[in-house]
Amino acid sequence: MPGVRMPAENELPAGPRRSLVSALHRVYGMAGKPSTREIATAIRNRDDLPGTLSHEGVGATLRGAGGLPRWPNLESLVRVLADRTIARVDADAAVIHIHTLWLEADAEQALGAGESSSADAVHAVSLKSGSAVDANATSRNSLDVSMRAMADLFSEINENTGTIVALLRDGGAETLASSLVADGDSAKSDLLMEASTWSLEEVIEAVEYSFSTGNPELLLLISSAWRPVDETVQFIGQSRKDLNHRAIHLLVVFISLWRPVGDVVGLLYGLRANGHHVESRVALHAAACRSVAEVVDLVKALQRNGGLIGISEVCMALTRRPLRNVLEVVRELRNADSGAAADSILWHAAWGPVDGIPTLLAVLRDEGRDQEAEYAIQAAAWRSARDVSDLVDTLRREGRDGAAEQVLDAVTRVPVERVVELVLLLRWQGRDEEVAQLVALARRRGGQERDALADAFHSVGLQSAAESLRS
């Protein structure tokens, strides 16, 4: 068989990296598996691509060998392959889908060396919150657990955390200090105001003391000082090996919630540039919880800076918020001419829990945002056959046959292999009417697309579907 083969599981084990390579191979196969030299030449000859790859680099990327490719280089490869596909795969949609998988593989790679540290941090959070956490979970799962548990831990440490954050954001450390004096707690006020003059060594000593004595509130007060971002990053670098990870994460969360957006951007870049990937993601998820206007400012600032922090990462973090907030951010980003970021948020929202997608579509339709609803449907169509099947079934049960048909229509625009997977699943589930509907919708596609799908149906024994497309 020509071209680079998909590596076997003993060569590339199951996990985020394999999922990424598998998705890339789907586009590669639809492009006819051109030679690595042909692909490298095509990339080199295009001036509109962000990166480049040698033919050796193309081969290594398709085999999942070596380190994870830089995103600009991988994006260039995806765009060249998408433009060569017989079924005319949407290059932008393919890029967004593969970028999501690349982020997960990047997180796994970044956390690989510190897996035990990450597990320890999650274990510390689970002891506090009383939740059971599997310390042997994968890197990404461990990180997700720590993110969710951090919010609970933050509120458990101090019932007045929300008030403290509000005071800091309204007027800085001075406002909080005045409030503490008014409450008769001048000692804490003095400590708070003096903390800004402490050396890093003194800060580290105080933080270690606060946790050794079971008084984490002291950390909140110390972290409220207006210290330069580069000092904060240096502090994390010095203390992350010796200090309880819960303290580090709390510090990062607290700063990300109330420091000016410009400072948060500096913190994010400083953490990422110094290899503090876990802390960077903690900061990112905390910053995504700020007001809609602040989140829009954050996205715009990251767009201006480019580089280490991808907009897709911010958008993924945003989708953890309530749907109302997510759609407000989408609207404001469009008003601020940041349509690409708005689309990325919708893409990630459409890749959230399947049972939440009907609500997303309904809200968008009710608000007259039909184009965004159609975009979300296109994004959902790239999900697994099981997910699409469940989504269509849910829409049918809710009496939304039109929306179900739109999802099936969108599926006919994704790679042929995914269409075949869905048809086989629907047949196994006894949903022959939907199979017929999907085939009828596929007949609307162009001649080459129909022929490619008919050949695929024929190859898996779906003769009637293949004949229907060719008739």
Protein backbone atom coordinates (compact mmCIF):
# COMPACT_ATOMS: atom_id res chain seq x y z
CA MET A 1 0.00 0.00 0.00
CA PRO A 2 1.45 3.41 -0.94
CA GLY A 3 2.13 6.15 1.54
CA VAL A 4 2.90 6.12 5.25
CA ARG A 5 0.93 3.54 7.22
CA MET A 6 -0.86 4.24 10.48
CA PRO A 7 1.40 2.96 13.28
CA ALA A 8 0.26 -0.11 15.20
CA GLU A 9 -0.66 0.21 18.87
CA ASN A 10 2.60 -1.41 19.96
CA GLU A 11 4.39 1.38 18.08
CA LEU A 12 2.12 4.24 19.19
CA PRO A 13 0.04 3.33 22.27
CA ALA A 14 -3.54 4.47 22.78
CA GLY A 15 -3.81 8.00 24.12
CA PRO A 16 -4.00 11.63 22.96
CA ARG A 17 -0.99 11.31 20.63
CA ARG A 18 -2.47 8.30 18.86
CA SER A 19 -5.86 10.06 18.54
CA LEU A 20 -4.08 12.98 16.92
CA VAL A 21 -2.17 10.81 14.45
CA SER A 22 -5.33 8.82 13.66
CA ALA A 23 -7.27 11.99 12.81
CA LEU A 24 -4.38 13.17 10.66
CA HIS A 25 -4.34 9.85 8.81
CA ARG A 26 -8.04 10.20 7.98
CA VAL A 27 -7.32 13.42 6.10
CA TYR A 28 -4.11 11.93 4.65
CA GLY A 29 -6.03 8.93 3.33
CA MET A 30 -8.73 11.12 1.79
CA ALA A 31 -5.97 13.07 0.04
CA GLY A 32 -4.82 9.87 -1.66
CA LYS A 33 -1.74 9.35 0.52
CA PRO A 34 0.67 11.52 -1.47
CA SER A 35 4.40 10.95 -0.95
CA THR A 36 6.15 12.77 1.87
CA ARG A 37 8.35 14.63 -0.63
CA GLU A 38 5.29 15.75 -2.58
CA ILE A 39 3.66 17.05 0.61
CA ALA A 40 6.82 18.83 1.76
CA THR A 41 7.19 20.50 -1.64
CA ALA A 42 3.55 21.63 -1.61
CA ILE A 43 3.99 23.16 1.85
CA ARG A 44 7.22 24.91 0.81
CA ASN A 45 5.58 26.37 -2.32
CA ARG A 46 2.75 28.06 -0.45
CA ASP A 47 3.29 31.50 1.04
CA ASP A 48 0.04 31.52 3.04
CA LEU A 49 1.03 28.76 5.48
CA PRO A 50 2.39 29.47 8.98
CA GLY A 51 5.08 26.78 9.04
CA THR A 52 7.07 24.26 7.04
CA LEU A 53 8.11 20.60 7.16
CA SER A 54 10.81 18.59 5.43
CA HIS A 55 9.81 15.27 3.90
CA GLU A 56 11.42 13.57 6.91
CA GLY A 57 9.31 15.75 9.19
CA VAL A 58 6.13 14.84 7.29
CA GLY A 59 6.92 11.15 7.65
CA ALA A 60 7.71 11.45 11.34
CA THR A 61 4.48 13.37 11.96
CA LEU A 62 2.37 10.73 10.19
CA ARG A 63 4.12 7.97 12.14
CA GLY A 64 3.78 9.79 15.47
CA ALA A 65 7.54 9.51 15.88
CA GLY A 66 9.74 11.83 17.91
CA GLY A 67 8.44 14.85 19.72
CA LEU A 68 5.10 16.50 19.10
CA PRO A 69 5.33 18.74 15.99
CA ARG A 70 5.06 22.50 16.44
CA TRP A 71 1.52 23.65 15.76
CA PRO A 72 2.35 26.00 12.81
CA ASN A 73 4.03 23.08 11.04
CA LEU A 74 1.17 20.68 11.75
CA GLU A 75 -1.42 23.24 10.62
CA SER A 76 0.46 23.65 7.34
CA LEU A 77 0.41 19.88 6.81
CA VAL A 78 -3.33 19.65 7.56
CA ARG A 79 -4.19 22.48 5.16
CA VAL A 80 -2.17 20.98 2.30
CA LEU A 81 -3.77 17.57 2.81
CA ALA A 82 -7.31 18.99 3.17
CA ASP A 83 -6.95 20.88 -0.12
CA ARG A 84 -6.11 17.61 -1.87
CA THR A 85 -9.02 15.52 -0.54
CA ILE A 86 -11.46 14.09 -3.04
CA ALA A 87 -14.44 14.96 -0.83
CA ARG A 88 -13.18 18.56 -0.41
CA VAL A 89 -12.81 18.50 3.35
CA ASP A 90 -13.28 21.95 4.93
CA ALA A 91 -9.69 22.93 5.74
CA ASP A 92 -10.65 25.29 8.57
CA ALA A 93 -12.87 22.70 10.23
CA ALA A 94 -10.14 20.05 9.92
CA VAL A 95 -7.58 22.44 11.41
CA ILE A 96 -9.79 23.24 14.41
CA HIS A 97 -10.57 19.56 15.03
CA ILE A 98 -6.92 18.49 14.82
CA HIS A 99 -5.79 21.47 16.89
CA THR A 100 -8.07 20.28 19.71
CA LEU A 101 -6.40 16.86 19.59
CA TRP A 102 -2.95 18.48 19.39
CA LEU A 103 -3.68 20.44 22.59
CA GLU A 104 -4.55 17.21 24.41
CA ALA A 105 -1.37 15.54 23.14
CA ASP A 106 0.61 18.63 24.12
CA ALA A 107 -0.85 18.52 27.62
CA GLU A 108 0.05 14.83 27.95
CA GLN A 109 3.61 15.49 26.77
CA ALA A 110 4.03 18.50 29.05
CA LEU A 111 2.75 16.61 32.05
CA GLY A 112 4.59 13.37 31.30
CA ALA A 113 7.69 14.25 33.27
CA GLY A 114 5.69 15.56 36.18
CA GLU A 115 3.02 12.88 36.29
CA SER A 116 3.68 11.94 39.89
CA SER A 117 3.66 15.60 40.95
CA SER A 118 0.34 16.14 39.20
CA ALA A 119 -1.10 13.06 40.86
CA ASP A 120 0.11 14.29 44.24
CA ALA A 121 -1.58 17.64 43.67
CA VAL A 122 -4.84 15.96 42.75
CA HIS A 123 -4.56 13.66 45.77
CA ALA A 124 -4.09 16.67 48.05
CA VAL A 125 -7.22 18.26 46.61
CA SER A 126 -9.20 15.04 47.00
CA LEU A 127 -8.24 14.76 50.68
CA LYS A 128 -9.54 18.26 51.29
CA SER A 129 -12.75 17.91 49.30
CA GLY A 130 -13.44 14.34 50.35
CA SER A 131 -13.78 13.22 46.74
CA ALA A 132 -12.29 10.01 45.43
CA VAL A 133 -9.64 10.57 42.77
CA ASP A 134 -7.78 7.88 40.88
CA ALA A 135 -4.09 8.80 41.23
CA ASN A 136 -3.30 6.51 38.30
CA ALA A 137 -5.56 8.39 35.89
CA THR A 138 -4.09 9.77 32.67
CA SER A 139 -2.45 13.18 32.67
CA ARG A 140 -5.40 14.89 31.03
CA ASN A 141 -7.95 13.27 33.34
CA SER A 142 -5.87 14.16 36.40
CA LEU A 143 -5.63 17.75 35.24
CA ASP A 144 -9.36 17.97 34.62
CA VAL A 145 -10.10 16.59 38.09
CA SER A 146 -7.76 19.10 39.72
CA MET A 147 -9.41 21.95 37.80
CA ARG A 148 -12.89 20.99 38.92
CA ALA A 149 -11.85 20.30 42.49
CA MET A 150 -9.92 23.56 42.75
CA ALA A 151 -13.12 25.61 42.66
CA ASP A 152 -14.51 23.64 45.61
CA LEU A 153 -11.23 23.89 47.49
CA PHE A 154 -11.07 27.64 46.89
CA SER A 155 -14.48 28.16 48.51
CA GLU A 156 -13.77 25.71 51.35
CA ILE A 157 -10.60 27.49 52.40
CA ASN A 158 -12.40 30.74 53.09
CA GLU A 159 -16.15 31.29 52.99
CA ASN A 160 -15.53 34.98 52.24
CA THR A 161 -13.29 34.34 49.24
CA GLY A 162 -15.79 35.92 46.86
CA THR A 163 -15.87 39.10 48.95
CA ILE A 164 -12.06 39.22 49.09
CA VAL A 165 -11.77 38.85 45.32
CA ALA A 166 -14.40 41.53 44.71
CA LEU A 167 -12.63 44.00 47.02
CA LEU A 168 -9.28 43.36 45.35
CA ARG A 169 -10.65 43.81 41.86
CA ASP A 170 -12.52 46.99 42.80
CA GLY A 171 -9.65 48.76 44.54
CA GLY A 172 -6.62 46.56 44.96
CA ALA A 173 -4.84 45.52 48.13
CA GLU A 174 -5.55 48.86 49.80
CA THR A 175 -9.32 48.36 49.63
CA LEU A 176 -9.05 44.90 51.15
CA ALA A 177 -6.77 46.23 53.87
CA SER A 178 -9.29 48.94 54.76
CA SER A 179 -12.05 46.34 54.93
CA LEU A 180 -9.98 44.20 57.30
CA VAL A 181 -9.37 47.22 59.55
CA ALA A 182 -13.09 47.97 59.55
CA ASP A 183 -13.72 44.40 60.67
CA GLY A 184 -11.30 44.89 63.58
CA ASP A 185 -8.58 42.74 62.04
CA SER A 186 -5.77 45.29 61.78
CA ALA A 187 -3.10 42.60 62.20
CA LYS A 188 -4.07 41.00 58.91
CA SER A 189 -4.28 44.43 57.33
CA ASP A 190 -0.73 45.25 58.41
CA LEU A 191 0.49 41.91 57.12
CA LEU A 192 -1.23 42.49 53.79
CA MET A 193 0.28 45.94 53.23
CA GLU A 194 3.74 44.89 54.36
CA ALA A 195 3.76 41.82 52.10
CA SER A 196 4.41 43.93 49.00
CA THR A 197 7.88 44.78 50.36
CA TRP A 198 8.87 41.21 51.18
CA SER A 199 11.59 39.40 49.28
CA LEU A 200 10.78 36.24 47.37
CA GLU A 201 12.56 34.19 50.03
CA GLU A 202 10.34 35.71 52.72
CA VAL A 203 7.22 35.05 50.64
CA ILE A 204 8.18 31.40 50.15
CA GLU A 205 8.89 31.03 53.86
CA ALA A 206 5.54 32.60 54.78
CA VAL A 207 3.61 30.42 52.34
CA GLU A 208 5.27 27.26 53.65
CA TYR A 209 4.48 28.36 57.19
CA SER A 210 0.85 29.10 56.37
CA PHE A 211 0.27 25.56 55.15
CA SER A 212 2.30 23.88 57.87
CA THR A 213 0.10 25.59 60.48
CA GLY A 214 -3.15 24.90 58.64
CA ASN A 215 -3.73 28.60 58.01
CA PRO A 216 -4.03 28.91 54.20
CA GLU A 217 -5.87 32.22 54.61
CA LEU A 218 -2.43 33.75 55.13
CA LEU A 219 -1.57 32.72 51.57
CA LEU A 220 -4.59 34.62 50.28
CA LEU A 221 -3.34 37.76 51.98
CA ILE A 222 0.24 37.36 50.77
CA SER A 223 -0.83 36.63 47.21
CA SER A 224 -2.93 39.80 47.15
CA ALA A 225 0.21 42.00 47.10
CA TRP A 226 0.81 43.71 43.76
CA ARG A 227 4.01 41.88 42.92
CA PRO A 228 5.47 42.06 39.37
CA VAL A 229 4.45 39.14 37.17
CA ASP A 230 8.04 38.07 36.52
CA GLU A 231 8.55 37.75 40.29
CA THR A 232 5.42 35.62 40.55
CA VAL A 233 6.71 33.29 37.84
CA GLN A 234 10.12 33.18 39.56
CA PHE A 235 8.41 32.40 42.86
CA ILE A 236 6.51 29.49 41.31
CA GLY A 237 9.69 28.19 39.69
CA GLN A 238 11.56 28.25 43.01
CA SER A 239 8.83 26.73 45.12
CA ARG A 240 6.94 24.23 42.91
CA LYS A 241 9.27 21.35 43.87
CA ASP A 242 9.12 21.95 47.60
CA LEU A 243 5.74 23.57 48.19
CA ASN A 244 2.36 21.87 48.30
CA HIS A 245 0.92 22.05 44.76
CA ARG A 246 -2.38 23.14 46.26
CA ALA A 247 -0.70 26.33 47.48
CA ILE A 248 0.82 27.04 44.08
CA HIS A 249 -2.50 26.47 42.30
CA LEU A 250 -4.34 28.64 44.78
CA LEU A 251 -1.85 31.43 44.28
CA VAL A 252 -2.22 31.18 40.48
CA VAL A 253 -6.02 31.06 40.68
CA PHE A 254 -6.18 34.05 42.97
CA ILE A 255 -3.91 36.22 40.80
CA SER A 256 -5.75 35.18 37.62
CA LEU A 257 -9.09 36.16 39.10
CA TRP A 258 -8.33 39.70 40.21
CA ARG A 259 -5.14 41.07 38.64
CA PRO A 260 -5.60 43.31 35.55
CA VAL A 261 -6.02 41.43 32.28
CA GLY A 262 -2.62 42.63 31.06
CA ASP A 263 -0.97 41.13 34.14
CA VAL A 264 -2.82 37.85 33.61
CA VAL A 265 -1.59 37.67 30.00
CA GLY A 266 1.95 38.26 31.26
CA LEU A 267 1.48 35.53 33.88
CA LEU A 268 0.21 33.06 31.28
CA TYR A 269 3.12 33.69 28.95
CA GLY A 270 5.65 33.64 31.77
CA LEU A 271 4.38 30.32 33.09
CA ARG A 272 4.28 28.71 29.64
CA ALA A 273 7.70 30.05 28.60
CA ASN A 274 9.26 28.61 31.77
CA GLY A 275 7.68 25.20 31.29
CA HIS A 276 5.08 25.51 34.06
CA HIS A 277 2.33 24.00 31.91
CA VAL A 278 0.07 22.77 34.70
CA GLU A 279 0.10 26.16 36.42
CA SER A 280 -0.48 27.86 33.06
CA ARG A 281 -3.64 25.84 32.52
CA VAL A 282 -4.83 26.52 36.07
CA ALA A 283 -4.37 30.25 35.42
CA LEU A 284 -6.11 30.01 32.07
CA HIS A 285 -9.18 28.28 33.48
CA ALA A 286 -9.38 30.76 36.35
CA ALA A 287 -9.06 33.76 34.01
CA ALA A 288 -11.84 32.34 31.85
CA CYS A 289 -14.19 32.76 34.82
CA ARG A 290 -13.89 36.56 34.80
CA SER A 291 -16.54 38.97 33.51
CA VAL A 292 -17.57 38.81 29.85
CA ALA A 293 -15.87 42.12 29.06
CA GLU A 294 -12.64 40.99 30.74
CA VAL A 295 -12.65 37.67 28.92
CA VAL A 296 -13.08 39.48 25.60
CA ASP A 297 -10.13 41.73 26.51
CA LEU A 298 -8.11 38.62 27.43
CA VAL A 299 -8.83 36.93 24.09
CA LYS A 300 -7.98 40.09 22.13
CA ALA A 301 -4.73 40.53 24.08
CA LEU A 302 -3.71 36.93 23.39
CA GLN A 303 -4.57 37.36 19.72
CA ARG A 304 -2.33 40.40 19.52
CA ASN A 305 0.55 38.60 21.18
CA GLY A 306 0.21 35.23 19.43
CA GLY A 307 2.78 32.53 20.13
CA LEU A 308 2.73 30.28 23.16
CA ILE A 309 -0.92 30.57 24.24
CA GLY A 310 -3.38 29.39 21.58
CA ILE A 311 -6.80 31.01 21.35
CA SER A 312 -8.24 27.51 21.11
CA GLU A 313 -7.01 26.83 24.68
CA VAL A 314 -8.84 29.90 25.98
CA CYS A 315 -11.98 28.93 24.12
CA MET A 316 -11.86 25.40 25.53
CA ALA A 317 -11.63 26.83 29.05
CA LEU A 318 -14.55 29.18 28.39
CA THR A 319 -16.91 26.34 27.52
CA ARG A 320 -16.81 25.19 31.15
CA ARG A 321 -18.89 28.23 32.04
CA PRO A 322 -22.72 28.31 31.95
CA LEU A 323 -24.12 28.40 28.41
CA ARG A 324 -25.52 31.91 28.90
CA ASN A 325 -22.04 33.26 29.68
CA VAL A 326 -20.47 31.36 26.78
CA LEU A 327 -22.89 32.83 24.26
CA GLU A 328 -22.46 36.33 25.70
CA VAL A 329 -18.71 36.02 25.14
CA VAL A 330 -19.31 34.77 21.58
CA ARG A 331 -21.54 37.77 20.83
CA GLU A 332 -19.10 40.29 22.25
CA LEU A 333 -16.17 38.75 20.40
CA ARG A 334 -18.05 39.12 17.11
CA ASN A 335 -18.79 42.73 17.98
CA ALA A 336 -15.06 43.16 18.59
CA ASP A 337 -14.20 41.69 15.16
CA SER A 338 -12.81 38.52 16.70
CA GLY A 339 -14.95 36.13 14.69
CA ALA A 340 -12.33 33.36 14.57
CA ALA A 341 -12.22 33.19 18.37
CA ALA A 342 -16.04 33.25 18.53
CA ASP A 343 -16.21 30.32 16.09
CA SER A 344 -13.62 28.42 18.12
CA ILE A 345 -15.72 28.79 21.27
CA LEU A 346 -18.79 27.47 19.44
CA TRP A 347 -16.73 24.56 18.09
CA HIS A 348 -15.62 23.57 21.57
CA ALA A 349 -19.15 24.05 22.95
CA ALA A 350 -20.40 21.65 20.28
CA TRP A 351 -17.80 19.15 21.51
CA GLY A 352 -19.07 19.31 25.08
CA PRO A 353 -21.51 16.78 26.59
CA VAL A 354 -23.87 15.51 23.87
CA ASP A 355 -26.97 16.13 25.99
CA GLY A 356 -26.10 19.84 26.12
CA ILE A 357 -25.96 20.38 22.34
CA PRO A 358 -29.77 20.47 21.78
CA THR A 359 -29.99 23.29 24.34
CA LEU A 360 -27.14 25.13 22.63
CA LEU A 361 -28.89 24.88 19.26
CA ALA A 362 -32.25 25.88 20.72
CA VAL A 363 -30.86 29.00 22.41
CA LEU A 364 -29.04 30.08 19.26
CA ARG A 365 -32.19 29.61 17.16
CA ASP A 366 -34.35 31.43 19.70
CA GLU A 367 -31.96 34.39 19.65
CA GLY A 368 -31.99 34.50 15.86
CA ARG A 369 -28.35 33.42 15.59
CA ASP A 370 -29.00 30.94 12.79
CA GLN A 371 -25.53 31.09 11.26
CA GLU A 372 -23.96 30.24 14.59
CA ALA A 373 -26.42 27.37 15.07
CA GLU A 374 -25.42 26.01 11.66
CA TYR A 375 -21.75 26.33 12.55
CA ALA A 376 -22.32 24.43 15.82
CA ILE A 377 -24.08 21.69 13.86
CA GLN A 378 -21.13 21.45 11.48
CA ALA A 379 -18.81 21.12 14.47
CA ALA A 380 -20.97 18.44 16.10
CA ALA A 381 -20.96 16.47 12.84
CA TRP A 382 -17.24 15.81 13.34
CA ARG A 383 -17.88 13.89 16.54
CA SER A 384 -17.83 10.11 16.82
CA ALA A 385 -20.55 8.04 15.19
CA ARG A 386 -21.91 7.16 18.64
CA ASP A 387 -22.12 10.83 19.64
CA VAL A 388 -23.84 11.85 16.40
CA SER A 389 -26.27 8.94 16.72
CA ASP A 390 -27.15 9.96 20.29
CA LEU A 391 -27.55 13.61 19.25
CA VAL A 392 -29.89 12.77 16.39
CA ASP A 393 -31.88 10.46 18.67
CA THR A 394 -32.20 13.18 21.32
CA LEU A 395 -33.36 15.75 18.78
CA ARG A 396 -35.96 13.29 17.43
CA ARG A 397 -37.30 12.60 20.91
CA GLU A 398 -37.63 16.33 21.50
CA GLY A 399 -39.67 16.65 18.32
CA ARG A 400 -36.96 18.60 16.50
CA ASP A 401 -36.85 16.60 13.28
CA GLY A 402 -35.59 19.57 11.29
CA ALA A 403 -32.54 19.93 13.50
CA ALA A 404 -31.91 16.18 13.33
CA GLU A 405 -31.97 16.35 9.53
CA GLN A 406 -29.53 19.28 9.60
CA VAL A 407 -27.11 17.19 11.66
CA LEU A 408 -27.35 14.29 9.21
CA ASP A 409 -26.84 16.68 6.30
CA ALA A 410 -23.74 18.10 7.99
CA VAL A 411 -22.36 14.57 8.43
CA THR A 412 -22.29 14.15 4.64
CA ARG A 413 -19.61 16.87 4.54
CA VAL A 414 -17.16 15.17 6.92
CA PRO A 415 -14.60 12.54 5.87
CA VAL A 416 -16.07 9.50 4.11
CA GLU A 417 -14.88 7.12 6.82
CA ARG A 418 -17.00 8.92 9.43
CA VAL A 419 -20.12 8.78 7.23
CA VAL A 420 -19.65 5.03 6.77
CA GLU A 421 -19.15 4.54 10.53
CA LEU A 422 -22.41 6.34 11.26
CA VAL A 423 -24.37 4.42 8.62
CA LEU A 424 -23.10 1.09 9.97
CA LEU A 425 -24.03 2.10 13.52
CA LEU A 426 -27.50 3.29 12.51
CA ARG A 427 -28.13 0.00 10.66
CA TRP A 428 -26.98 -1.98 13.68
CA GLN A 429 -29.41 0.08 15.81
CA GLY A 430 -32.25 -0.72 13.38
CA ARG A 431 -32.69 2.92 12.34
CA ASP A 432 -33.16 2.20 8.63
CA GLU A 433 -35.23 5.33 7.98
CA GLU A 434 -32.37 7.52 9.12
CA VAL A 435 -29.92 5.53 6.99
CA ALA A 436 -32.15 6.18 3.96
CA GLN A 437 -32.40 9.85 4.90
CA LEU A 438 -28.63 10.15 5.24
CA VAL A 439 -28.06 8.50 1.85
CA ALA A 440 -30.65 10.80 0.25
CA LEU A 441 -28.90 13.84 1.71
CA ALA A 442 -25.54 12.54 0.45
CA ARG A 443 -26.93 12.48 -3.10
CA ARG A 444 -26.96 16.29 -3.01
CA ARG A 445 -23.18 16.37 -2.85
CA GLY A 446 -20.99 16.86 -5.92
CA GLY A 447 -20.24 14.00 -8.30
CA GLN A 448 -16.75 13.22 -6.97
CA GLU A 449 -17.96 13.29 -3.38
CA ARG A 450 -20.88 10.96 -4.20
CA ASP A 451 -18.61 8.56 -6.06
CA ALA A 452 -16.11 8.45 -3.20
CA LEU A 453 -18.88 7.74 -0.70
CA ALA A 454 -20.46 5.13 -3.00
CA ASP A 455 -17.10 3.33 -3.27
CA ALA A 456 -16.74 3.40 0.51
CA PHE A 457 -20.25 1.98 0.99
CA HIS A 458 -19.53 -0.75 -1.55
CA SER A 459 -16.27 -1.70 0.20
CA VAL A 460 -18.10 -2.44 3.48
CA GLY A 461 -21.00 -4.34 1.88
CA LEU A 462 -23.58 -1.52 1.80
CA GLN A 463 -24.56 -2.33 -1.78
CA SER A 464 -28.01 -0.74 -1.78
CA ALA A 465 -26.65 2.53 -0.37
CA ALA A 466 -23.86 2.52 -2.98
CA GLU A 467 -26.30 1.87 -5.83
CA SER A 468 -28.60 4.62 -4.57
CA LEU A 469 -25.77 7.14 -4.74
CA ARG A 470 -24.76 6.07 -8.24
CA SER A 471 -28.29 6.08 -9.65
